[in-house]
Amino acid sequence: MIRIHLGPEGLGNVRICAIPDFGAELTAAGVAHAHGGRPCDPLVQLYSRSTAPELTEGVSPLYLSHLFARRSPTPFTKALAEADDRAHSLLTKAIDHVRSSAIEPHRSGIDSAVAARAAGLSHLYAGSGASVMLHRLGHEIRLRRGVLELPTAFDADLELGERSLRIQAVALSRRVSLTEPADDHLTVRIPAGAPPRTEPGQLAALRTLLGPGRAATLEAIVTSGGVTGRQLASRLGVSDAAASRHAAVLRRAGLIQSLRMGQTVKHLATPLGYHLAQPEATGRCP
């Protein structure tokens, strides 16, 4: 178990990440691949019960030393430790395969699952405060007397200090983890859960309530996990101006929010928007 001591200012420094961390998604996909792979698979050889590499960062000598403390080196992992070019080439191909098979075809679902989980947590945070939100993270996470307890294989105590505490939902993960501490933040990764899905009956009710154009707009924003105005227009098969009008009505109704990101505006569903379009999925969030 990892215990994060929040300190007197900790609850005021909690942040909820609303967009996916695809590096975290790749790492989670690697864990799933390793659990189901054969012992001779290069990726399988990089894991132990309590260690998993951050695949976007490669496999460092430091990570391999941690791995060798928990399981015996294999010819492949030994070759990696010796900086063998062929071993590193095999590793790169294995990681690319995981990325192309588990990440790229499912980016929309990952976006949607993470955005829905973040919306639910943000709703709790805004309505009841950080303490209630942390209490309800689920997955055996506990908040006791200013200490956030994470159910991990490692046992450690960390002081949050002046750093922020980031909560990152990961669509492909099935377990809680803590990333390597940074100077200005700690990031707790939690499972996002399944992406929202619309049922035929729900869509019919939405069309009656909102009208077909705005119902389709809300559905597109919810299931995409967030879209720009141009992407929204493309999904709906309408002009940019028509998509903008639909989004404006939904924004005034409190069903979506529109955030400026550089030169573009991205539309995201609010907790109310997710609840309206996905009542069953939102209800499953702890």
Protein backbone atom coordinates (compact mmCIF):
# COMPACT_ATOMS: atom_id res chain seq x y z
CA MET A 1 0.00 0.00 0.00
CA ILE A 2 1.17 3.53 -0.83
CA ARG A 3 0.09 6.23 1.61
CA ILE A 4 0.03 9.83 0.39
CA HIS A 5 0.03 12.30 3.28
CA LEU A 6 -1.93 15.24 1.94
CA GLY A 7 -1.02 17.78 4.61
CA PRO A 8 -3.04 20.90 5.48
CA GLU A 9 -3.19 22.23 1.89
CA GLY A 10 -3.54 18.93 0.07
CA LEU A 11 -7.30 18.93 -0.50
CA GLY A 12 -6.99 22.31 -2.19
CA ASN A 13 -4.44 20.98 -4.66
CA VAL A 14 -6.42 18.11 -6.16
CA ARG A 15 -6.77 18.15 -9.96
CA ILE A 16 -8.88 15.90 -12.19
CA CYS A 17 -7.43 15.18 -15.63
CA ALA A 18 -10.20 15.44 -18.21
CA ILE A 19 -8.29 14.19 -21.25
CA PRO A 20 -6.59 10.82 -21.80
CA ASP A 21 -2.93 10.19 -21.13
CA PHE A 22 -2.14 7.90 -24.06
CA GLY A 23 1.20 7.04 -22.52
CA ALA A 24 -0.69 5.66 -19.53
CA GLU A 25 -3.07 3.86 -21.88
CA LEU A 26 -0.12 2.24 -23.65
CA THR A 27 1.37 1.13 -20.34
CA ALA A 28 -1.98 -0.37 -19.28
CA ALA A 29 -2.32 -2.13 -22.62
CA GLY A 30 1.17 -3.58 -22.13
CA VAL A 31 0.15 -4.98 -18.73
CA ALA A 32 -2.94 -6.62 -20.26
CA HIS A 33 -0.83 -8.02 -23.11
CA ALA A 34 1.74 -9.41 -20.68
CA HIS A 35 -0.90 -11.15 -18.58
CA GLY A 36 -2.28 -12.95 -21.61
CA GLY A 37 0.95 -13.53 -23.55
CA ARG A 38 3.31 -16.47 -23.78
CA PRO A 39 6.49 -16.58 -21.67
CA CYS A 40 8.67 -16.22 -24.79
CA ASP A 41 6.94 -12.95 -25.78
CA PRO A 42 9.39 -10.04 -25.37
CA LEU A 43 6.90 -7.88 -23.50
CA VAL A 44 5.89 -10.65 -21.12
CA GLN A 45 9.50 -10.90 -19.97
CA LEU A 46 9.50 -7.25 -18.85
CA TYR A 47 6.89 -7.68 -16.12
CA SER A 48 6.75 -9.09 -12.64
CA ARG A 49 3.93 -9.16 -10.14
CA SER A 50 4.85 -5.69 -8.84
CA THR A 51 6.71 -4.03 -11.73
CA ALA A 52 5.53 -2.68 -15.07
CA PRO A 53 7.50 -0.39 -17.40
CA GLU A 54 6.26 2.92 -18.77
CA LEU A 55 6.38 1.83 -22.40
CA THR A 56 6.48 5.32 -23.89
CA GLU A 57 9.76 5.92 -22.07
CA GLY A 58 11.36 2.66 -23.16
CA VAL A 59 13.03 0.31 -20.68
CA SER A 60 15.80 1.95 -18.70
CA PRO A 61 18.72 0.22 -16.94
CA LEU A 62 17.20 1.39 -13.64
CA TYR A 63 13.91 -0.36 -14.44
CA LEU A 64 15.74 -3.53 -15.44
CA SER A 65 17.62 -3.51 -12.13
CA HIS A 66 14.26 -3.34 -10.30
CA LEU A 67 12.96 -6.15 -12.50
CA PHE A 68 15.98 -8.39 -11.88
CA ALA A 69 15.48 -7.97 -8.14
CA ARG A 70 12.09 -9.62 -8.56
CA ARG A 71 12.63 -12.19 -11.28
CA SER A 72 15.60 -13.85 -12.93
CA PRO A 73 16.93 -12.31 -16.13
CA THR A 74 15.92 -13.98 -19.38
CA PRO A 75 18.19 -13.97 -22.44
CA PHE A 76 16.06 -11.15 -23.86
CA THR A 77 16.05 -8.91 -20.77
CA LYS A 78 19.76 -9.59 -20.25
CA ALA A 79 20.39 -8.48 -23.84
CA LEU A 80 18.40 -5.29 -23.19
CA ALA A 81 20.52 -4.60 -20.13
CA GLU A 82 23.61 -5.02 -22.30
CA ALA A 83 22.21 -2.51 -24.85
CA ASP A 84 21.97 -5.12 -27.58
CA ASP A 85 20.58 -3.50 -30.77
CA ARG A 86 18.59 -6.56 -31.84
CA ALA A 87 16.89 -6.79 -28.44
CA HIS A 88 15.94 -3.12 -28.56
CA SER A 89 14.58 -3.58 -32.08
CA LEU A 90 12.41 -6.48 -30.90
CA LEU A 91 11.15 -4.36 -28.02
CA THR A 92 10.28 -1.46 -30.33
CA LYS A 93 8.31 -3.77 -32.63
CA ALA A 94 6.46 -5.31 -29.69
CA ILE A 95 5.48 -1.89 -28.34
CA ASP A 96 4.40 -0.71 -31.81
CA HIS A 97 2.21 -3.80 -32.12
CA VAL A 98 0.47 -3.06 -28.81
CA ARG A 99 -0.03 0.57 -29.83
CA SER A 100 -1.48 -0.31 -33.24
CA SER A 101 -3.75 -3.08 -31.98
CA ALA A 102 -4.90 -1.87 -28.55
CA ILE A 103 -4.71 1.94 -28.75
CA GLU A 104 -5.17 3.37 -32.23
CA PRO A 105 -8.40 1.51 -33.20
CA HIS A 106 -10.01 2.49 -29.89
CA ARG A 107 -9.01 6.13 -29.42
CA SER A 108 -12.60 7.36 -29.57
CA GLY A 109 -13.74 4.89 -26.90
CA ILE A 110 -10.75 5.79 -24.72
CA ASP A 111 -11.54 9.51 -25.08
CA SER A 112 -15.16 8.88 -24.16
CA ALA A 113 -14.44 6.64 -21.15
CA VAL A 114 -11.90 9.05 -19.66
CA ALA A 115 -14.07 12.12 -20.26
CA ALA A 116 -17.11 10.43 -18.71
CA ARG A 117 -15.17 9.37 -15.60
CA ALA A 118 -13.63 12.83 -15.26
CA ALA A 119 -17.05 14.44 -15.63
CA GLY A 120 -18.47 12.31 -12.83
CA LEU A 121 -15.54 13.09 -10.53
CA SER A 122 -15.68 16.80 -11.37
CA HIS A 123 -19.37 16.82 -10.51
CA LEU A 124 -18.61 15.33 -7.09
CA TYR A 125 -15.72 17.73 -6.56
CA ALA A 126 -17.76 20.80 -7.48
CA GLY A 127 -20.81 19.76 -5.48
CA SER A 128 -19.32 18.12 -2.39
CA GLY A 129 -15.62 18.96 -2.28
CA ALA A 130 -12.34 17.14 -2.79
CA SER A 131 -12.68 15.00 0.34
CA VAL A 132 -15.96 13.41 -0.79
CA MET A 133 -14.63 12.92 -4.30
CA LEU A 134 -11.52 11.13 -3.00
CA HIS A 135 -13.67 8.99 -0.69
CA ARG A 136 -15.68 7.87 -3.72
CA LEU A 137 -12.84 7.01 -6.08
CA GLY A 138 -13.51 3.33 -5.38
CA HIS A 139 -11.09 0.53 -6.31
CA GLU A 140 -10.19 0.11 -2.61
CA ILE A 141 -8.74 3.62 -2.39
CA ARG A 142 -9.26 5.04 1.10
CA LEU A 143 -8.98 8.53 2.56
CA ARG A 144 -8.26 8.36 6.30
CA ARG A 145 -7.37 11.39 8.39
CA GLY A 146 -5.68 13.25 5.59
CA VAL A 147 -3.90 10.20 4.17
CA LEU A 148 -4.86 8.77 0.79
CA GLU A 149 -4.25 5.01 0.76
CA LEU A 150 -3.65 3.29 -2.57
CA PRO A 151 -3.90 -0.52 -2.93
CA THR A 152 -0.54 -1.15 -4.61
CA ALA A 153 2.01 -3.94 -4.40
CA PHE A 154 4.61 -1.51 -3.07
CA ASP A 155 4.58 -0.20 0.49
CA ALA A 156 5.62 3.43 0.84
CA ASP A 157 4.79 6.76 2.49
CA LEU A 158 4.89 9.96 0.44
CA GLU A 159 4.38 13.58 1.46
CA LEU A 160 2.37 15.63 -1.02
CA GLY A 161 3.82 18.87 0.31
CA GLU A 162 3.22 21.76 -2.07
CA ARG A 163 2.69 19.48 -5.05
CA SER A 164 -0.68 18.97 -6.72
CA LEU A 165 -2.44 15.61 -6.65
CA ARG A 166 -3.68 14.61 -10.09
CA ILE A 167 -6.36 11.99 -10.67
CA GLN A 168 -5.97 10.40 -14.11
CA ALA A 169 -8.59 7.95 -15.35
CA VAL A 170 -7.16 5.24 -17.64
CA ALA A 171 -9.58 3.41 -19.90
CA LEU A 172 -7.46 0.31 -20.44
CA SER A 173 -6.38 -0.13 -16.83
CA ARG A 174 -7.89 -2.49 -14.29
CA ARG A 175 -5.81 -1.43 -11.30
CA VAL A 176 -4.76 1.61 -9.30
CA SER A 177 -1.20 2.87 -9.70
CA LEU A 178 0.97 5.85 -8.88
CA THR A 179 3.31 7.30 -11.47
CA GLU A 180 6.89 8.21 -10.68
CA PRO A 181 6.64 11.30 -8.42
CA ALA A 182 7.42 14.61 -10.13
CA ASP A 183 8.72 17.78 -8.51
CA ASP A 184 5.37 19.57 -8.83
CA HIS A 185 2.77 16.77 -8.79
CA LEU A 186 1.80 13.22 -7.95
CA THR A 187 -0.47 11.36 -10.36
CA VAL A 188 -2.81 8.60 -9.25
CA ARG A 189 -4.10 6.46 -12.10
CA ILE A 190 -7.49 4.81 -11.68
CA PRO A 191 -9.58 2.62 -14.02
CA ALA A 192 -11.95 4.74 -16.10
CA GLY A 193 -14.53 2.01 -16.64
CA ALA A 194 -16.37 1.24 -19.84
CA PRO A 195 -16.99 4.01 -22.38
CA PRO A 196 -20.53 5.40 -22.55
CA ARG A 197 -22.93 3.75 -24.96
CA THR A 198 -26.28 4.99 -26.18
CA GLU A 199 -29.21 2.60 -26.38
CA PRO A 200 -31.86 2.92 -29.11
CA GLY A 201 -34.56 3.80 -26.57
CA GLN A 202 -32.45 6.54 -25.05
CA LEU A 203 -31.75 8.08 -28.44
CA ALA A 204 -35.45 8.14 -29.30
CA ALA A 205 -36.24 9.90 -26.01
CA LEU A 206 -33.44 12.41 -26.58
CA ARG A 207 -34.70 13.21 -30.08
CA THR A 208 -38.16 13.88 -28.68
CA LEU A 209 -36.80 16.09 -25.91
CA LEU A 210 -34.13 18.02 -27.80
CA GLY A 211 -35.07 17.59 -31.42
CA PRO A 212 -33.15 15.29 -33.77
CA GLY A 213 -30.35 17.73 -34.61
CA ARG A 214 -29.43 18.67 -31.06
CA ALA A 215 -29.89 15.08 -29.83
CA ALA A 216 -27.44 13.87 -32.49
CA THR A 217 -25.05 16.67 -31.49
CA LEU A 218 -25.12 15.67 -27.81
CA GLU A 219 -24.70 11.99 -28.72
CA ALA A 220 -21.67 12.82 -30.90
CA ILE A 221 -20.02 14.85 -28.14
CA VAL A 222 -20.68 12.21 -25.47
CA THR A 223 -19.50 9.20 -27.46
CA SER A 224 -16.43 10.98 -28.86
CA GLY A 225 -15.17 12.18 -25.50
CA GLY A 226 -14.89 15.69 -26.90
CA VAL A 227 -14.69 17.20 -30.39
CA THR A 228 -13.75 20.44 -32.07
CA GLY A 229 -16.39 22.39 -33.95
CA ARG A 230 -15.11 21.18 -37.31
CA GLN A 231 -14.98 17.57 -36.16
CA LEU A 232 -18.51 17.89 -34.83
CA ALA A 233 -19.76 19.23 -38.14
CA SER A 234 -18.05 16.35 -39.96
CA ARG A 235 -19.61 13.75 -37.64
CA LEU A 236 -23.06 15.25 -38.11
CA GLY A 237 -22.72 15.87 -41.85
CA VAL A 238 -23.72 19.52 -41.49
CA SER A 239 -22.06 22.89 -41.98
CA ASP A 240 -19.75 24.36 -39.35
CA ALA A 241 -22.35 27.07 -38.69
CA ALA A 242 -25.14 24.54 -38.09
CA ALA A 243 -22.97 22.51 -35.72
CA SER A 244 -22.06 25.71 -33.86
CA ARG A 245 -25.76 26.62 -33.45
CA HIS A 246 -26.59 23.18 -32.03
CA ALA A 247 -23.61 23.37 -29.66
CA ALA A 248 -24.66 26.86 -28.48
CA VAL A 249 -28.12 25.59 -27.49
CA LEU A 250 -26.64 22.62 -25.62
CA ARG A 251 -24.12 24.88 -23.89
CA ARG A 252 -26.86 27.26 -22.70
CA ALA A 253 -28.77 24.25 -21.36
CA GLY A 254 -25.71 23.17 -19.36
CA LEU A 255 -25.30 19.91 -21.29
CA ILE A 256 -21.89 20.71 -22.77
CA GLN A 257 -19.00 23.06 -22.14
CA SER A 258 -16.77 24.58 -24.79
CA LEU A 259 -13.08 25.05 -24.01
CA ARG A 260 -10.64 27.04 -26.10
CA MET A 261 -7.49 25.03 -26.82
CA GLY A 262 -5.06 27.13 -28.83
CA GLN A 263 -6.73 28.09 -32.10
CA THR A 264 -9.63 25.66 -31.72
CA VAL A 265 -12.63 25.21 -29.44
CA LYS A 266 -13.34 21.75 -28.05
CA HIS A 267 -16.82 20.71 -26.96
CA LEU A 268 -17.08 18.38 -23.94
CA ALA A 269 -20.15 16.98 -22.23
CA THR A 270 -20.89 18.18 -18.70
CA PRO A 271 -21.91 15.68 -15.99
CA LEU A 272 -25.54 16.61 -16.74
CA GLY A 273 -24.97 15.94 -20.45
CA TYR A 274 -23.45 12.55 -19.74
CA HIS A 275 -26.23 11.74 -17.29
CA LEU A 276 -28.91 12.66 -19.82
CA ALA A 277 -27.34 10.65 -22.62
CA GLN A 278 -25.87 7.84 -20.52
CA PRO A 279 -27.81 7.43 -17.25
CA GLU A 280 -26.74 3.82 -16.72
CA ALA A 281 -23.05 4.42 -17.43
CA THR A 282 -22.92 7.50 -15.18
CA GLY A 283 -24.64 5.59 -12.40
CA ARG A 284 -21.85 3.02 -12.34
CA CYS A 285 -19.25 5.62 -11.36
CA PRO A 286 -18.52 5.27 -7.64
